[in-house]
C-alpha atoms as a PDB file:
ATOM      1  CA  UNK A   1     204.770  97.635-139.924  1.00  0.00           C
ATOM      2  CA  UNK A   2     205.969  97.962-136.457  1.00  0.00           C
ATOM      3  CA  UNK A   3     205.376  94.957-134.118  1.00  0.00           C
ATOM      4  CA  UNK A   4     203.686  97.166-131.383  1.00  0.00           C
ATOM      5  CA  UNK A   5     200.881  98.008-133.701  1.00  0.00           C
ATOM      6  CA  UNK A   6     199.802  94.392-134.497  1.00  0.00           C
ATOM      7  CA  UNK A   7     196.442  93.218-132.928  1.00  0.00           C
ATOM      8  CA  UNK A   8     197.263  90.444-130.776  1.00  0.00           C
ATOM      9  CA  UNK A   9     193.589  89.440-129.795  1.00  0.00           C
ATOM     10  CA  UNK A  10     192.404  86.075-130.939  1.00  0.00           C
ATOM     11  CA  UNK A  11     189.714  85.962-133.499  1.00  0.00           C
ATOM     12  CA  UNK A  12     186.058  85.527-132.088  1.00  0.00           C
ATOM     13  CA  UNK A  13     186.133  81.892-133.211  1.00  0.00           C
ATOM     14  CA  UNK A  14     188.965  81.157-131.013  1.00  0.00           C
ATOM     15  CA  UNK A  15     188.031  83.202-127.766  1.00  0.00           C
ATOM     16  CA  UNK A  16     187.633  80.939-124.662  1.00  0.00           C
ATOM     17  CA  UNK A  17     185.081  81.330-121.803  1.00  0.00           C
ATOM     18  CA  UNK A  18     181.448  82.229-121.261  1.00  0.00           C
ATOM     19  CA  UNK A  19     179.843  85.409-122.266  1.00  0.00           C
ATOM     20  CA  UNK A  20     179.178  88.082-119.619  1.00  0.00           C
ATOM     21  CA  UNK A  21     175.375  87.174-119.863  1.00  0.00           C
ATOM     22  CA  UNK A  22     176.108  83.542-119.272  1.00  0.00           C
ATOM     23  CA  UNK A  23     178.393  84.345-116.286  1.00  0.00           C
ATOM     24  CA  UNK A  24     175.448  86.630-114.765  1.00  0.00           C
ATOM     25  CA  UNK A  25     172.950  83.827-115.014  1.00  0.00           C
ATOM     26  CA  UNK A  26     175.345  81.185-113.629  1.00  0.00           C
ATOM     27  CA  UNK A  27     176.371  83.337-110.651  1.00  0.00           C
ATOM     28  CA  UNK A  28     172.615  84.305-110.038  1.00  0.00           C
ATOM     29  CA  UNK A  29     171.794  80.838-109.971  1.00  0.00           C
ATOM     30  CA  UNK A  30     174.600  79.698-107.762  1.00  0.00           C
ATOM     31  CA  UNK A  31     173.750  82.392-105.138  1.00  0.00           C
ATOM     32  CA  UNK A  32     169.963  81.464-105.223  1.00  0.00           C
ATOM     33  CA  UNK A  33     171.173  77.660-104.665  1.00  0.00           C
ATOM     34  CA  UNK A  34     173.440  78.676-101.698  1.00  0.00           C
ATOM     35  CA  UNK A  35     170.445  80.865-100.233  1.00  0.00           C
ATOM     36  CA  UNK A  36     168.045  78.058-100.585  1.00  0.00           C
ATOM     37  CA  UNK A  37     170.551  75.677 -99.329  1.00  0.00           C
ATOM     38  CA  UNK A  38     171.521  77.711 -96.458  1.00  0.00           C
ATOM     39  CA  UNK A  39     167.882  78.477 -95.339  1.00  0.00           C
ATOM     40  CA  UNK A  40     167.036  74.617 -95.607  1.00  0.00           C
ATOM     41  CA  UNK A  41     170.234  72.864 -94.429  1.00  0.00           C
ATOM     42  CA  UNK A  42     172.183  75.379 -92.592  1.00  0.00           C
ATOM     43  CA  UNK A  43     175.198  74.685 -94.548  1.00  0.00           C
ATOM     44  CA  UNK A  44     176.993  77.984 -94.188  1.00  0.00           C
ATOM     45  CA  UNK A  45     176.321  78.162 -90.511  1.00  0.00           C
ATOM     46  CA  UNK A  46     179.924  76.624 -89.687  1.00  0.00           C
ATOM     47  CA  UNK A  47     181.488  79.072 -92.036  1.00  0.00           C
ATOM     48  CA  UNK A  48     179.632  81.939 -90.383  1.00  0.00           C
ATOM     49  CA  UNK A  49     180.591  80.766 -86.951  1.00  0.00           C
ATOM     50  CA  UNK A  50     184.235  80.479 -87.916  1.00  0.00           C
ATOM     51  CA  UNK A  51     184.201  83.952 -89.560  1.00  0.00           C
ATOM     52  CA  UNK A  52     182.350  85.446 -86.244  1.00  0.00           C
ATOM     53  CA  UNK A  53     184.933  83.959 -84.202  1.00  0.00           C
ATOM     54  CA  UNK A  54     187.773  85.276 -86.238  1.00  0.00           C
ATOM     55  CA  UNK A  55     186.452  88.790 -86.414  1.00  0.00           C
ATOM     56  CA  UNK A  56     185.418  88.818 -82.923  1.00  0.00           C
ATOM     57  CA  UNK A  57     188.706  90.439 -81.575  1.00  0.00           C
ATOM     58  CA  UNK A  58     188.906  92.801 -84.306  1.00  0.00           C
ATOM     59  CA  UNK A  59     185.311  93.977 -83.490  1.00  0.00           C
ATOM     60  CA  UNK A  60     186.109  94.302 -79.760  1.00  0.00           C
ATOM     61  CA  UNK A  61     189.147  96.195 -80.502  1.00  0.00           C
ATOM     62  CA  UNK A  62     187.196  98.585 -82.678  1.00  0.00           C
ATOM     63  CA  UNK A  63     184.435  99.051 -80.147  1.00  0.00           C
ATOM     64  CA  UNK A  64     186.731 100.015 -77.316  1.00  0.00           C
ATOM     65  CA  UNK A  65     187.061 103.610 -78.144  1.00  0.00           C
ATOM     66  CA  UNK A  66     183.265 103.973 -78.591  1.00  0.00           C
ATOM     67  CA  UNK A  67     182.804 102.302 -75.245  1.00  0.00           C
ATOM     68  CA  UNK A  68     185.272 104.579 -73.647  1.00  0.00           C
ATOM     69  CA  UNK A  69     183.472 107.527 -74.967  1.00  0.00           C
ATOM     70  CA  UNK A  70     179.936 106.550 -74.118  1.00  0.00           C
ATOM     71  CA  UNK A  71     181.278 105.348 -70.568  1.00  0.00           C
ATOM     72  CA  UNK A  72     182.915 108.717 -70.177  1.00  0.00           C
ATOM     73  CA  UNK A  73     179.739 110.674 -70.899  1.00  0.00           C
ATOM     74  CA  UNK A  74     177.602 108.364 -68.694  1.00  0.00           C
ATOM     75  CA  UNK A  75     180.157 108.969 -65.865  1.00  0.00           C
ATOM     76  CA  UNK A  76     179.980 112.790 -66.401  1.00  0.00           C
ATOM     77  CA  UNK A  77     176.197 112.788 -66.355  1.00  0.00           C
ATOM     78  CA  UNK A  78     175.857 110.481 -63.564  1.00  0.00           C
ATOM     79  CA  UNK A  79     178.493 112.872 -61.449  1.00  0.00           C
ATOM     80  CA  UNK A  80     176.487 115.882 -62.476  1.00  0.00           C
ATOM     81  CA  UNK A  81     173.214 114.086 -61.184  1.00  0.00           C
ATOM     82  CA  UNK A  82     174.929 112.935 -58.008  1.00  0.00           C
ATOM     83  CA  UNK A  83     175.947 116.541 -57.352  1.00  0.00           C
ATOM     84  CA  UNK A  84     172.587 118.023 -57.989  1.00  0.00           C
ATOM     85  CA  UNK A  85     170.814 115.387 -55.781  1.00  0.00           C
ATOM     86  CA  UNK A  86     173.431 116.060 -52.962  1.00  0.00           C
ATOM     87  CA  UNK A  87     172.586 119.898 -53.128  1.00  0.00           C
ATOM     88  CA  UNK A  88     168.843 119.229 -53.196  1.00  0.00           C
ATOM     89  CA  UNK A  89     169.139 116.731 -50.276  1.00  0.00           C
ATOM     90  CA  UNK A  90     171.162 119.400 -48.320  1.00  0.00           C
ATOM     91  CA  UNK A  91     168.546 122.179 -48.852  1.00  0.00           C
ATOM     92  CA  UNK A  92     165.892 119.760 -47.981  1.00  0.00           C
ATOM     93  CA  UNK A  93     167.623 119.006 -44.829  1.00  0.00           C
ATOM     94  CA  UNK A  94     168.149 122.597 -44.035  1.00  0.00           C
ATOM     95  CA  UNK A  95     164.408 123.067 -44.501  1.00  0.00           C
ATOM     96  CA  UNK A  96     163.457 120.017 -42.481  1.00  0.00           C
ATOM     97  CA  UNK A  97     165.656 121.226 -39.658  1.00  0.00           C
ATOM     98  CA  UNK A  98     163.993 124.463 -39.867  1.00  0.00           C
ATOM     99  CA  UNK A  99     160.713 123.044 -39.567  1.00  0.00           C
ATOM    100  CA  UNK A 100     161.468 120.762 -36.807  1.00  0.00           C
ATOM    101  CA  UNK A 101     162.745 123.552 -34.587  1.00  0.00           C
ATOM    102  CA  UNK A 102     159.588 125.520 -35.285  1.00  0.00           C
ATOM    103  CA  UNK A 103     157.626 122.461 -34.431  1.00  0.00           C
ATOM    104  CA  UNK A 104     159.410 122.041 -31.219  1.00  0.00           C
ATOM    105  CA  UNK A 105     158.850 125.753 -30.385  1.00  0.00           C
ATOM    106  CA  UNK A 106     155.166 125.609 -31.205  1.00  0.00           C
ATOM    107  CA  UNK A 107     154.671 122.363 -29.196  1.00  0.00           C
ATOM    108  CA  UNK A 108     156.371 123.883 -26.218  1.00  0.00           C
ATOM    109  CA  UNK A 109     154.253 126.950 -26.384  1.00  0.00           C
ATOM    110  CA  UNK A 110     151.092 124.925 -26.919  1.00  0.00           C
ATOM    111  CA  UNK A 111     151.763 122.790 -23.870  1.00  0.00           C
ATOM    112  CA  UNK A 112     152.565 126.172 -21.740  1.00  0.00           C
ATOM    113  CA  UNK A 113     149.266 127.522 -22.914  1.00  0.00           C
ATOM    114  CA  UNK A 114     147.278 124.304 -22.194  1.00  0.00           C
ATOM    115  CA  UNK A 115     148.632 124.312 -18.690  1.00  0.00           C
ATOM    116  CA  UNK A 116     148.018 127.808 -18.279  1.00  0.00           C
ATOM    117  CA  UNK A 117     144.352 127.353 -19.271  1.00  0.00           C
ATOM    118  CA  UNK A 118     143.966 124.232 -17.744  1.00  0.00           C
ATOM    119  CA  UNK A 119     142.730 122.603 -20.837  1.00  0.00           C
ATOM    120  CA  UNK A 120     142.180 118.972 -21.331  1.00  0.00           C
ATOM    121  CA  UNK A 121     145.080 117.148 -23.331  1.00  0.00           C
ATOM    122  CA  UNK A 122     144.102 116.635 -26.934  1.00  0.00           C
ATOM    123  CA  UNK A 123     142.359 113.565 -27.987  1.00  0.00           C
ATOM    124  CA  UNK A 124     144.770 110.794 -29.061  1.00  0.00           C
ATOM    125  CA  UNK A 125     143.689 109.722 -32.572  1.00  0.00           C
ATOM    126  CA  UNK A 126     143.644 105.967 -33.033  1.00  0.00           C
ATOM    127  CA  UNK A 127     144.706 104.868 -36.494  1.00  0.00           C
ATOM    128  CA  UNK A 128     144.716 101.756 -38.942  1.00  0.00           C
ATOM    129  CA  UNK A 129     147.460 101.424 -41.583  1.00  0.00           C
ATOM    130  CA  UNK A 130     145.963 100.484 -44.831  1.00  0.00           C
ATOM    131  CA  UNK A 131     146.906 100.147 -48.586  1.00  0.00           C
ATOM    132  CA  UNK A 132     144.856 101.284 -51.478  1.00  0.00           C
ATOM    133  CA  UNK A 133     143.866  98.263 -53.797  1.00  0.00           C
ATOM    134  CA  UNK A 134     142.237  99.907 -56.865  1.00  0.00           C
ATOM    135  CA  UNK A 135     140.048 102.675 -57.822  1.00  0.00           C
ATOM    136  CA  UNK A 136     136.309 102.481 -58.328  1.00  0.00           C
ATOM    137  CA  UNK A 137     135.045 101.604 -61.988  1.00  0.00           C
ATOM    138  CA  UNK A 138     132.670 104.423 -61.999  1.00  0.00           C
ATOM    139  CA  UNK A 139     134.164 107.221 -63.961  1.00  0.00           C
ATOM    140  CA  UNK A 140     131.955 109.851 -62.755  1.00  0.00           C
ATOM    141  CA  UNK A 141     133.258 109.303 -59.166  1.00  0.00           C
ATOM    142  CA  UNK A 142     136.391 109.647 -57.249  1.00  0.00           C
ATOM    143  CA  UNK A 143     136.588 106.574 -55.024  1.00  0.00           C
ATOM    144  CA  UNK A 144     139.122 103.861 -54.075  1.00  0.00           C
ATOM    145  CA  UNK A 145     139.019 100.790 -52.167  1.00  0.00           C
ATOM    146  CA  UNK A 146     141.511  99.973 -49.244  1.00  0.00           C
ATOM    147  CA  UNK A 147     142.634  96.436 -47.890  1.00  0.00           C
ATOM    148  CA  UNK A 148     141.103  97.159 -44.451  1.00  0.00           C
ATOM    149  CA  UNK A 149     137.606  96.502 -43.341  1.00  0.00           C
ATOM    150  CA  UNK A 150     135.109  96.192 -40.364  1.00  0.00           C
ATOM    151  CA  UNK A 151     137.277  93.179 -39.055  1.00  0.00           C
ATOM    152  CA  UNK A 152     140.163  95.486 -38.668  1.00  0.00           C
ATOM    153  CA  UNK A 153     138.301  98.332 -36.762  1.00  0.00           C
ATOM    154  CA  UNK A 154     137.503 100.456 -39.749  1.00  0.00           C
ATOM    155  CA  UNK A 155     134.186 102.546 -39.108  1.00  0.00           C
ATOM    156  CA  UNK A 156     132.055 104.272 -41.617  1.00  0.00           C
ATOM    157  CA  UNK A 157     132.910 107.949 -41.738  1.00  0.00           C
ATOM    158  CA  UNK A 158     136.491 107.532 -40.772  1.00  0.00           C
ATOM    159  CA  UNK A 159     138.898 110.053 -42.042  1.00  0.00           C
ATOM    160  CA  UNK A 160     141.707 108.828 -44.511  1.00  0.00           C
ATOM    161  CA  UNK A 161     144.951 110.543 -44.643  1.00  0.00           C
ATOM    162  CA  UNK A 162     148.542 110.232 -45.714  1.00  0.00           C
ATOM    163  CA  UNK A 163     151.702 112.205 -44.837  1.00  0.00           C
ATOM    164  CA  UNK A 164     150.569 115.271 -47.012  1.00  0.00           C
ATOM    165  CA  UNK A 165     146.979 115.808 -45.419  1.00  0.00           C
ATOM    166  CA  UNK A 166     143.468 114.772 -45.652  1.00  0.00           C
ATOM    167  CA  UNK A 167     142.668 112.388 -48.616  1.00  0.00           C
ATOM    168  CA  UNK A 168     138.847 111.578 -48.037  1.00  0.00           C
ATOM    169  CA  UNK A 169     136.396 109.600 -45.890  1.00  0.00           C
ATOM    170  CA  UNK A 170     135.299 106.035 -45.619  1.00  0.00           C
ATOM    171  CA  UNK A 171     131.720 105.825 -46.900  1.00  0.00           C
ATOM    172  CA  UNK A 172     131.260 102.043 -47.136  1.00  0.00           C
ATOM    173  CA  UNK A 173     132.617  99.183 -45.091  1.00  0.00           C
ATOM    174  CA  UNK A 174     132.657  95.562 -45.845  1.00  0.00           C
ATOM    175  CA  UNK A 175     134.362  92.814 -43.693  1.00  0.00           C
ATOM    176  CA  UNK A 176     137.891  92.770 -45.303  1.00  0.00           C
ATOM    177  CA  UNK A 177     137.751  96.143 -47.494  1.00  0.00           C
ATOM    178  CA  UNK A 178     136.285  99.612 -47.289  1.00  0.00           C
ATOM    179  CA  UNK A 179     135.337 102.178 -49.827  1.00  0.00           C
ATOM    180  CA  UNK A 180     136.854 105.616 -49.442  1.00  0.00           C
ATOM    181  CA  UNK A 181     135.321 108.760 -51.239  1.00  0.00           C
ATOM    182  CA  UNK A 182     137.922 111.275 -51.997  1.00  0.00           C
ATOM    183  CA  UNK A 183     137.887 114.997 -51.257  1.00  0.00           C
ATOM    184  CA  UNK A 184     137.783 115.650 -55.076  1.00  0.00           C
ATOM    185  CA  UNK A 185     134.508 113.675 -55.425  1.00  0.00           C
ATOM    186  CA  UNK A 186     131.508 115.566 -56.556  1.00  0.00           C
ATOM    187  CA  UNK A 187     129.597 114.521 -53.387  1.00  0.00           C
ATOM    188  CA  UNK A 188     132.452 114.941 -50.957  1.00  0.00           C
ATOM    189  CA  UNK A 189     132.283 118.032 -48.330  1.00  0.00           C
ATOM    190  CA  UNK A 190     134.605 118.896 -45.458  1.00  0.00           C
ATOM    191  CA  UNK A 191     134.509 121.801 -42.921  1.00  0.00           C
ATOM    192  CA  UNK A 192     137.648 123.737 -43.085  1.00  0.00           C
ATOM    193  CA  UNK A 193     139.258 126.806 -41.382  1.00  0.00           C
ATOM    194  CA  UNK A 194     141.555 129.440 -42.886  1.00  0.00           C
ATOM    195  CA  UNK A 195     144.897 129.265 -40.918  1.00  0.00           C
ATOM    196  CA  UNK A 196     145.517 132.860 -41.762  1.00  0.00           C
ATOM    197  CA  UNK A 197     142.275 134.466 -40.774  1.00  0.00           C
ATOM    198  CA  UNK A 198     140.712 131.673 -38.755  1.00  0.00           C
ATOM    199  CA  UNK A 199     137.502 132.012 -40.919  1.00  0.00           C
ATOM    200  CA  UNK A 200     135.509 128.855 -41.035  1.00  0.00           C
ATOM    201  CA  UNK A 201     134.032 127.521 -44.282  1.00  0.00           C
ATOM    202  CA  UNK A 202     133.159 124.327 -46.256  1.00  0.00           C
ATOM    203  CA  UNK A 203     135.197 122.911 -49.086  1.00  0.00           C
ATOM    204  CA  UNK A 204     133.270 120.704 -51.757  1.00  0.00           C
ATOM    205  CA  UNK A 205     134.698 118.542 -54.323  1.00  0.00           C
ATOM    206  CA  UNK A 206     133.898 118.382 -58.110  1.00  0.00           C
ATOM    207  CA  UNK A 207     134.912 121.735 -59.122  1.00  0.00           C
ATOM    208  CA  UNK A 208     136.087 121.874 -62.681  1.00  0.00           C
ATOM    209  CA  UNK A 209     134.831 118.483 -63.620  1.00  0.00           C
ATOM    210  CA  UNK A 210     136.886 116.532 -66.232  1.00  0.00           C
ATOM    211  CA  UNK A 211     139.331 113.686 -65.142  1.00  0.00           C
ATOM    212  CA  UNK A 212     141.113 115.618 -62.300  1.00  0.00           C
ATOM    213  CA  UNK A 213     138.459 117.661 -60.548  1.00  0.00           C
ATOM    214  CA  UNK A 214     139.598 119.915 -57.726  1.00  0.00           C
ATOM    215  CA  UNK A 215     138.002 121.567 -54.668  1.00  0.00           C
ATOM    216  CA  UNK A 216     136.067 124.942 -54.181  1.00  0.00           C
ATOM    217  CA  UNK A 217     135.038 126.953 -51.341  1.00  0.00           C
ATOM    218  CA  UNK A 218     131.022 127.541 -51.794  1.00  0.00           C
ATOM    219  CA  UNK A 219     129.025 130.219 -50.206  1.00  0.00           C
ATOM    220  CA  UNK A 220     131.751 132.622 -49.413  1.00  0.00           C
ATOM    221  CA  UNK A 221     130.974 136.444 -49.706  1.00  0.00           C
ATOM    222  CA  UNK A 222     132.387 138.575 -52.410  1.00  0.00           C
ATOM    223  CA  UNK A 223     134.208 140.613 -50.007  1.00  0.00           C
ATOM    224  CA  UNK A 224     135.301 137.732 -47.921  1.00  0.00           C
ATOM    225  CA  UNK A 225     139.020 137.837 -46.662  1.00  0.00           C
ATOM    226  CA  UNK A 226     140.442 135.032 -48.858  1.00  0.00           C
ATOM    227  CA  UNK A 227     143.689 135.242 -50.774  1.00  0.00           C
ATOM    228  CA  UNK A 228     145.570 132.963 -53.238  1.00  0.00           C
ATOM    229  CA  UNK A 229     148.059 130.921 -51.218  1.00  0.00           C
ATOM    230  CA  UNK A 230     145.850 130.723 -48.110  1.00  0.00           C
ATOM    231  CA  UNK A 231     146.198 127.233 -46.347  1.00  0.00           C
ATOM    232  CA  UNK A 232     143.039 125.418 -45.103  1.00  0.00           C
ATOM    233  CA  UNK A 233     142.823 122.888 -42.520  1.00  0.00           C
ATOM    234  CA  UNK A 234     140.298 120.966 -40.759  1.00  0.00           C
ATOM    235  CA  UNK A 235     138.084 122.774 -38.182  1.00  0.00           C
ATOM    236  CA  UNK A 236     137.262 119.808 -36.044  1.00  0.00           C
ATOM    237  CA  UNK A 237     133.783 120.983 -35.521  1.00  0.00           C
ATOM    238  CA  UNK A 238     132.054 118.330 -37.405  1.00  0.00           C
ATOM    239  CA  UNK A 239     132.966 115.447 -34.791  1.00  0.00           C
ATOM    240  CA  UNK A 240     134.726 113.318 -37.779  1.00  0.00           C
ATOM    241  CA  UNK A 241     138.115 115.106 -38.711  1.00  0.00           C
ATOM    242  CA  UNK A 242     140.656 115.960 -35.853  1.00  0.00           C
ATOM    243  CA  UNK A 243     141.482 119.661 -36.163  1.00  0.00           C
ATOM    244  CA  UNK A 244     144.630 121.032 -37.659  1.00  0.00           C
ATOM    245  CA  UNK A 245     144.771 118.371 -40.522  1.00  0.00           C
ATOM    246  CA  UNK A 246     145.986 120.022 -43.937  1.00  0.00           C
ATOM    247  CA  UNK A 247     143.104 119.836 -46.371  1.00  0.00           C
ATOM    248  CA  UNK A 248     143.847 122.304 -49.456  1.00  0.00           C
ATOM    249  CA  UNK A 249     145.430 125.676 -50.503  1.00  0.00           C
ATOM    250  CA  UNK A 250     143.545 128.537 -52.302  1.00  0.00           C
ATOM    251  CA  UNK A 251     144.914 128.793 -55.805  1.00  0.00           C
ATOM    252  CA  UNK A 252     142.490 131.377 -57.396  1.00  0.00           C
ATOM    253  CA  UNK A 253     139.744 133.841 -56.279  1.00  0.00           C
ATOM    254  CA  UNK A 254     137.334 135.031 -58.615  1.00  0.00           C
ATOM    255  CA  UNK A 255     135.059 138.027 -57.361  1.00  0.00           C
ATOM    256  CA  UNK A 256     132.191 138.633 -59.818  1.00  0.00           C
ATOM    257  CA  UNK A 257     130.119 141.905 -59.761  1.00  0.00           C
ATOM    258  CA  UNK A 258     126.938 140.009 -60.873  1.00  0.00           C
ATOM    259  CA  UNK A 259     126.922 137.753 -57.953  1.00  0.00           C
ATOM    260  CA  UNK A 260     127.087 137.935 -54.158  1.00  0.00           C
ATOM    261  CA  UNK A 261     129.437 135.038 -53.692  1.00  0.00           C
ATOM    262  CA  UNK A 262     133.149 134.639 -54.518  1.00  0.00           C
ATOM    263  CA  UNK A 263     134.366 131.805 -56.891  1.00  0.00           C
ATOM    264  CA  UNK A 264     137.426 130.403 -54.887  1.00  0.00           C
ATOM    265  CA  UNK A 265     139.199 127.476 -56.373  1.00  0.00           C
ATOM    266  CA  UNK A 266     141.407 125.063 -54.176  1.00  0.00           C
ATOM    267  CA  UNK A 267     144.116 122.410 -54.711  1.00  0.00           C
ATOM    268  CA  UNK A 268     143.980 119.467 -52.198  1.00  0.00           C
ATOM    269  CA  UNK A 269     147.098 119.156 -49.989  1.00  0.00           C
ATOM    270  CA  UNK A 270     147.102 115.428 -50.480  1.00  0.00           C
ATOM    271  CA  UNK A 271     147.206 114.366 -54.053  1.00  0.00           C
ATOM    272  CA  UNK A 272     145.082 111.371 -54.648  1.00  0.00           C
ATOM    273  CA  UNK A 273     147.143 110.259 -57.674  1.00  0.00           C
ATOM    274  CA  UNK A 274     150.155 107.784 -56.849  1.00  0.00           C
ATOM    275  CA  UNK A 275     148.963 107.201 -53.336  1.00  0.00           C
ATOM    276  CA  UNK A 276     149.408 103.647 -51.984  1.00  0.00           C
ATOM    277  CA  UNK A 277     149.563 103.783 -48.167  1.00  0.00           C
ATOM    278  CA  UNK A 278     147.272 105.515 -46.043  1.00  0.00           C
ATOM    279  CA  UNK A 279     145.994 106.000 -42.449  1.00  0.00           C
ATOM    280  CA  UNK A 280     142.377 105.368 -41.429  1.00  0.00           C
ATOM    281  CA  UNK A 281     141.571 107.481 -38.331  1.00  0.00           C
ATOM    282  CA  UNK A 282     138.835 106.919 -35.923  1.00  0.00           C
ATOM    283  CA  UNK A 283     136.311 109.514 -36.045  1.00  0.00           C
ATOM    284  CA  UNK A 284     136.595 112.254 -33.331  1.00  0.00           C
ATOM    285  CA  UNK A 285     133.034 111.478 -32.187  1.00  0.00           C
ATOM    286  CA  UNK A 286     133.881 108.094 -31.250  1.00  0.00           C
ATOM    287  CA  UNK A 287     136.589 109.327 -28.994  1.00  0.00           C
ATOM    288  CA  UNK A 288     134.458 111.563 -26.966  1.00  0.00           C
ATOM    289  CA  UNK A 289     132.826 110.352 -23.545  1.00  0.00           C
ATOM    290  CA  UNK A 290     129.394 109.157 -23.632  1.00  0.00           C
ATOM    291  CA  UNK A 291     126.608 111.730 -22.663  1.00  0.00           C
ATOM    292  CA  UNK A 292     126.036 109.680 -19.420  1.00  0.00           C
ATOM    293  CA  UNK A 293     129.691 110.009 -18.332  1.00  0.00           C
ATOM    294  CA  UNK A 294     129.372 113.802 -18.916  1.00  0.00           C
ATOM    295  CA  UNK A 295     126.558 114.221 -16.790  1.00  0.00           C
ATOM    296  CA  UNK A 296     127.945 111.894 -14.018  1.00  0.00           C
ATOM    297  CA  UNK A 297     131.120 113.974 -13.997  1.00  0.00           C
ATOM    298  CA  UNK A 298     129.754 117.125 -12.097  1.00  0.00           C
ATOM    299  CA  UNK A 299     127.752 114.798  -9.737  1.00  0.00           C
ATOM    300  CA  UNK A 300     131.063 112.990  -9.022  1.00  0.00           C
ATOM    301  CA  UNK A 301     132.886 116.178  -8.425  1.00  0.00           C
ATOM    302  CA  UNK A 302     130.137 117.762  -6.146  1.00  0.00           C
ATOM    303  CA  UNK A 303     130.216 114.519  -4.067  1.00  0.00           C
ATOM    304  CA  UNK A 304     133.903 114.762  -3.688  1.00  0.00           C
ATOM    305  CA  UNK A 305     133.663 118.456  -2.560  1.00  0.00           C
ATOM    306  CA  UNK A 306     131.376 117.181   0.167  1.00  0.00           C
END
């Protein structure tokens, strides 16, 4: 019999070592013991710290390409955003320069017309800067509170504006605070004039309802010359708001055959959402001379002529 065909494995009685099942149980118990010991006495923390320290250079080396890829992408994205912002800033600067030029031209023309017609100079509007503290808790109204009150010269009925236009009107005054009713409130109303047609009307708040109500023009005839895109400003006839302040813009005109009035929806020029700083103006009626002064002026002029 060739030697290569002989079975060299020892018989079962002489085999050394544990069986596979015994090894599984032993190593499972050892793993459980190590987990319990590590959770309770932290015996593996030094080994873990040593491995972490040894593998840190390898991790940093492997992370370099990933960081370079991400950093390059962020750089390119930031560069594109910076270029877009620069383009937008240049366009805004050009538009602002054009508006400033038109404003200078209109101011010069207005001054010439006033001098020609011997009109009185426009009343200087006094203002008080204020900051919005919080909104009113009533979910059915659109009111805010500002940090200026009677001690700061705020009067009831004073207009409240920001850089975009009219926001509302002071309805309650306290010593250190005041309540402002926004134009979008259902009880708010303001006289306006159409800058295109010079037609006077009144804008009312609460149109559309919901969480963000708008404005609407009421009692306008169905054939009234009102178009979407028309700008409305204060007329100044109420003795409260100075004339020429932006109020709203016409967004939709619905002419119904079954009604003699048109339904005209407006969008406020000054959005009340996100506003923090405002100006509280003195009502125009407070700046006008007293009736006694007006009646004394002709008498004084007559006496001077004598």
